[in-house]
Amino acid sequence: MILQHLFRLSSIFRSTVSIYLQRNIGLSAIMFNKTKELDPVQKLFIDKIREYNTKSQKAGGPVETGPEFQKEMNEETAKLQRLYGGGDLTQFPNFKFEEPKFDDTQK
């Protein structure tokens, strides 16, 4: 009886320790990767993203676009303004809903 109880506690203890170690190993791997040098492909990807970010901030919009892009952008903006009644397409529209007026009707 005592032996069975001891085995049961042992299995619970083993599973608890196992879960604890798995979590710590997973956390250690993440921390180790942050301090370790990145994979060359990942480093290249991150460098390109940072480069594009600085170029787009300097350009104030999309990078390396020619006059064709701006022409198409203006045409599409004009088309959307014609379709949807004009307005500023760079801002989210303000919706104003009025409360409905319910009349008391006699039955």
C-alpha atoms as a PDB file:
ATOM      1  CA  MET A   1       0.000   0.000   0.000  1.00  0.00           C
ATOM      2  CA  ILE A   2       2.707   2.451   0.962  1.00  0.00           C
ATOM      3  CA  LEU A   3       4.742   1.317  -2.019  1.00  0.00           C
ATOM      4  CA  GLN A   4       1.867   2.093  -4.425  1.00  0.00           C
ATOM      5  CA  HIS A   5       1.398   5.510  -2.849  1.00  0.00           C
ATOM      6  CA  LEU A   6       5.116   6.172  -3.187  1.00  0.00           C
ATOM      7  CA  PHE A   7       5.079   5.156  -6.875  1.00  0.00           C
ATOM      8  CA  ARG A   8       2.102   7.441  -7.526  1.00  0.00           C
ATOM      9  CA  LEU A   9       3.879  10.414  -5.903  1.00  0.00           C
ATOM     10  CA  SER A  10       7.014   9.557  -7.819  1.00  0.00           C
ATOM     11  CA  SER A  11       5.182   9.659 -11.168  1.00  0.00           C
ATOM     12  CA  ILE A  12       3.557  12.994 -10.279  1.00  0.00           C
ATOM     13  CA  PHE A  13       6.915  14.399  -9.246  1.00  0.00           C
ATOM     14  CA  ARG A  14       8.522  13.130 -12.458  1.00  0.00           C
ATOM     15  CA  SER A  15       5.871  14.696 -14.682  1.00  0.00           C
ATOM     16  CA  THR A  16       6.105  18.025 -12.834  1.00  0.00           C
ATOM     17  CA  VAL A  17       9.872  18.130 -13.128  1.00  0.00           C
ATOM     18  CA  SER A  18       9.655  17.132 -16.796  1.00  0.00           C
ATOM     19  CA  ILE A  19       7.258  19.999 -17.621  1.00  0.00           C
ATOM     20  CA  TYR A  20       9.395  22.453 -15.658  1.00  0.00           C
ATOM     21  CA  LEU A  21      12.567  21.415 -17.490  1.00  0.00           C
ATOM     22  CA  GLN A  22      10.870  21.560 -20.898  1.00  0.00           C
ATOM     23  CA  ARG A  23       9.729  25.119 -20.243  1.00  0.00           C
ATOM     24  CA  ASN A  24      13.147  26.197 -19.036  1.00  0.00           C
ATOM     25  CA  ILE A  25      14.909  24.596 -21.972  1.00  0.00           C
ATOM     26  CA  GLY A  26      12.505  26.313 -24.391  1.00  0.00           C
ATOM     27  CA  LEU A  27      13.071  29.680 -22.724  1.00  0.00           C
ATOM     28  CA  SER A  28      16.814  29.167 -22.679  1.00  0.00           C
ATOM     29  CA  ALA A  29      16.808  28.389 -26.409  1.00  0.00           C
ATOM     30  CA  ILE A  30      14.962  31.633 -27.167  1.00  0.00           C
ATOM     31  CA  MET A  31      17.311  33.683 -25.007  1.00  0.00           C
ATOM     32  CA  PHE A  32      20.341  31.985 -26.556  1.00  0.00           C
ATOM     33  CA  ASN A  33      19.135  32.751 -30.091  1.00  0.00           C
ATOM     34  CA  LYS A  34      18.691  36.435 -29.292  1.00  0.00           C
ATOM     35  CA  THR A  35      22.272  36.783 -28.173  1.00  0.00           C
ATOM     36  CA  LYS A  36      23.669  34.514 -30.853  1.00  0.00           C
ATOM     37  CA  GLU A  37      24.384  35.714 -34.391  1.00  0.00           C
ATOM     38  CA  LEU A  38      21.424  35.323 -36.743  1.00  0.00           C
ATOM     39  CA  ASP A  39      21.221  32.863 -39.582  1.00  0.00           C
ATOM     40  CA  PRO A  40      22.718  34.501 -42.719  1.00  0.00           C
ATOM     41  CA  VAL A  41      19.400  34.356 -44.569  1.00  0.00           C
ATOM     42  CA  GLN A  42      17.550  35.879 -41.618  1.00  0.00           C
ATOM     43  CA  LYS A  43      20.195  38.573 -41.288  1.00  0.00           C
ATOM     44  CA  LEU A  44      19.926  39.430 -44.997  1.00  0.00           C
ATOM     45  CA  PHE A  45      16.129  39.594 -44.746  1.00  0.00           C
ATOM     46  CA  ILE A  46      16.220  41.873 -41.698  1.00  0.00           C
ATOM     47  CA  ASP A  47      18.853  44.101 -43.317  1.00  0.00           C
ATOM     48  CA  LYS A  48      16.677  44.503 -46.442  1.00  0.00           C
ATOM     49  CA  ILE A  49      13.628  45.375 -44.335  1.00  0.00           C
ATOM     50  CA  ARG A  50      15.606  48.014 -42.429  1.00  0.00           C
ATOM     51  CA  GLU A  51      17.026  49.401 -45.673  1.00  0.00           C
ATOM     52  CA  TYR A  52      13.542  49.664 -47.213  1.00  0.00           C
ATOM     53  CA  ASN A  53      12.254  51.350 -44.053  1.00  0.00           C
ATOM     54  CA  THR A  54      14.916  54.069 -44.185  1.00  0.00           C
ATOM     55  CA  LYS A  55      14.368  54.596 -47.939  1.00  0.00           C
ATOM     56  CA  SER A  56      10.602  54.858 -47.530  1.00  0.00           C
ATOM     57  CA  GLN A  57      10.991  57.375 -44.707  1.00  0.00           C
ATOM     58  CA  LYS A  58      13.281  59.508 -46.877  1.00  0.00           C
ATOM     59  CA  ALA A  59      10.969  59.235 -49.900  1.00  0.00           C
ATOM     60  CA  GLY A  60       7.803  59.768 -47.882  1.00  0.00           C
ATOM     61  CA  GLY A  61       6.034  56.830 -49.541  1.00  0.00           C
ATOM     62  CA  PRO A  62       6.696  53.817 -51.740  1.00  0.00           C
ATOM     63  CA  VAL A  63      10.332  53.297 -52.727  1.00  0.00           C
ATOM     64  CA  GLU A  64      11.737  53.200 -56.262  1.00  0.00           C
ATOM     65  CA  THR A  65       8.501  54.049 -58.017  1.00  0.00           C
ATOM     66  CA  GLY A  66       8.501  55.910 -61.269  1.00  0.00           C
ATOM     67  CA  PRO A  67       6.080  58.384 -62.788  1.00  0.00           C
ATOM     68  CA  GLU A  68       3.939  55.470 -64.027  1.00  0.00           C
ATOM     69  CA  PHE A  69       3.126  54.506 -60.454  1.00  0.00           C
ATOM     70  CA  GLN A  70       2.100  58.036 -59.519  1.00  0.00           C
ATOM     71  CA  LYS A  71      -0.006  58.311 -62.692  1.00  0.00           C
ATOM     72  CA  GLU A  72      -1.808  55.036 -61.928  1.00  0.00           C
ATOM     73  CA  MET A  73      -2.288  56.078 -58.306  1.00  0.00           C
ATOM     74  CA  ASN A  74      -3.883  59.378 -59.366  1.00  0.00           C
ATOM     75  CA  GLU A  75      -6.137  57.614 -61.885  1.00  0.00           C
ATOM     76  CA  GLU A  76      -7.316  55.067 -59.302  1.00  0.00           C
ATOM     77  CA  THR A  77      -7.937  57.802 -56.736  1.00  0.00           C
ATOM     78  CA  ALA A  78      -9.990  59.789 -59.252  1.00  0.00           C
ATOM     79  CA  LYS A  79     -11.949  56.657 -60.174  1.00  0.00           C
ATOM     80  CA  LEU A  80     -12.747  55.910 -56.531  1.00  0.00           C
ATOM     81  CA  GLN A  81     -13.800  59.497 -55.926  1.00  0.00           C
ATOM     82  CA  ARG A  82     -16.186  59.315 -58.906  1.00  0.00           C
ATOM     83  CA  LEU A  83     -17.611  55.980 -57.749  1.00  0.00           C
ATOM     84  CA  TYR A  84     -18.086  56.897 -54.106  1.00  0.00           C
ATOM     85  CA  GLY A  85     -19.002  60.561 -54.264  1.00  0.00           C
ATOM     86  CA  GLY A  86     -15.676  62.321 -53.743  1.00  0.00           C
ATOM     87  CA  GLY A  87     -14.231  63.214 -50.407  1.00  0.00           C
ATOM     88  CA  ASP A  88     -10.802  62.722 -48.925  1.00  0.00           C
ATOM     89  CA  LEU A  89      -9.705  59.118 -49.479  1.00  0.00           C
ATOM     90  CA  THR A  90      -6.729  59.390 -47.143  1.00  0.00           C
ATOM     91  CA  GLN A  91      -8.881  59.653 -44.010  1.00  0.00           C
ATOM     92  CA  PHE A  92     -11.348  57.260 -42.471  1.00  0.00           C
ATOM     93  CA  PRO A  93     -14.908  58.537 -42.984  1.00  0.00           C
ATOM     94  CA  ASN A  94     -16.893  60.000 -40.104  1.00  0.00           C
ATOM     95  CA  PHE A  95     -20.271  58.387 -39.705  1.00  0.00           C
ATOM     96  CA  LYS A  96     -23.119  60.316 -38.141  1.00  0.00           C
ATOM     97  CA  PHE A  97     -26.210  58.404 -37.250  1.00  0.00           C
ATOM     98  CA  GLU A  98     -29.311  60.184 -36.107  1.00  0.00           C
ATOM     99  CA  GLU A  99     -31.646  58.646 -33.620  1.00  0.00           C
ATOM    100  CA  PRO A 100     -34.818  57.433 -35.303  1.00  0.00           C
ATOM    101  CA  LYS A 101     -38.019  59.184 -34.300  1.00  0.00           C
ATOM    102  CA  PHE A 102     -40.690  56.800 -33.240  1.00  0.00           C
ATOM    103  CA  ASP A 103     -44.213  58.122 -33.213  1.00  0.00           C
ATOM    104  CA  ASP A 104     -46.705  56.813 -30.734  1.00  0.00           C
ATOM    105  CA  THR A 105     -49.562  55.556 -32.825  1.00  0.00           C
ATOM    106  CA  GLN A 106     -52.871  54.673 -31.384  1.00  0.00           C
ATOM    107  CA  LYS A 107     -54.199  51.246 -32.107  1.00  0.00           C
END
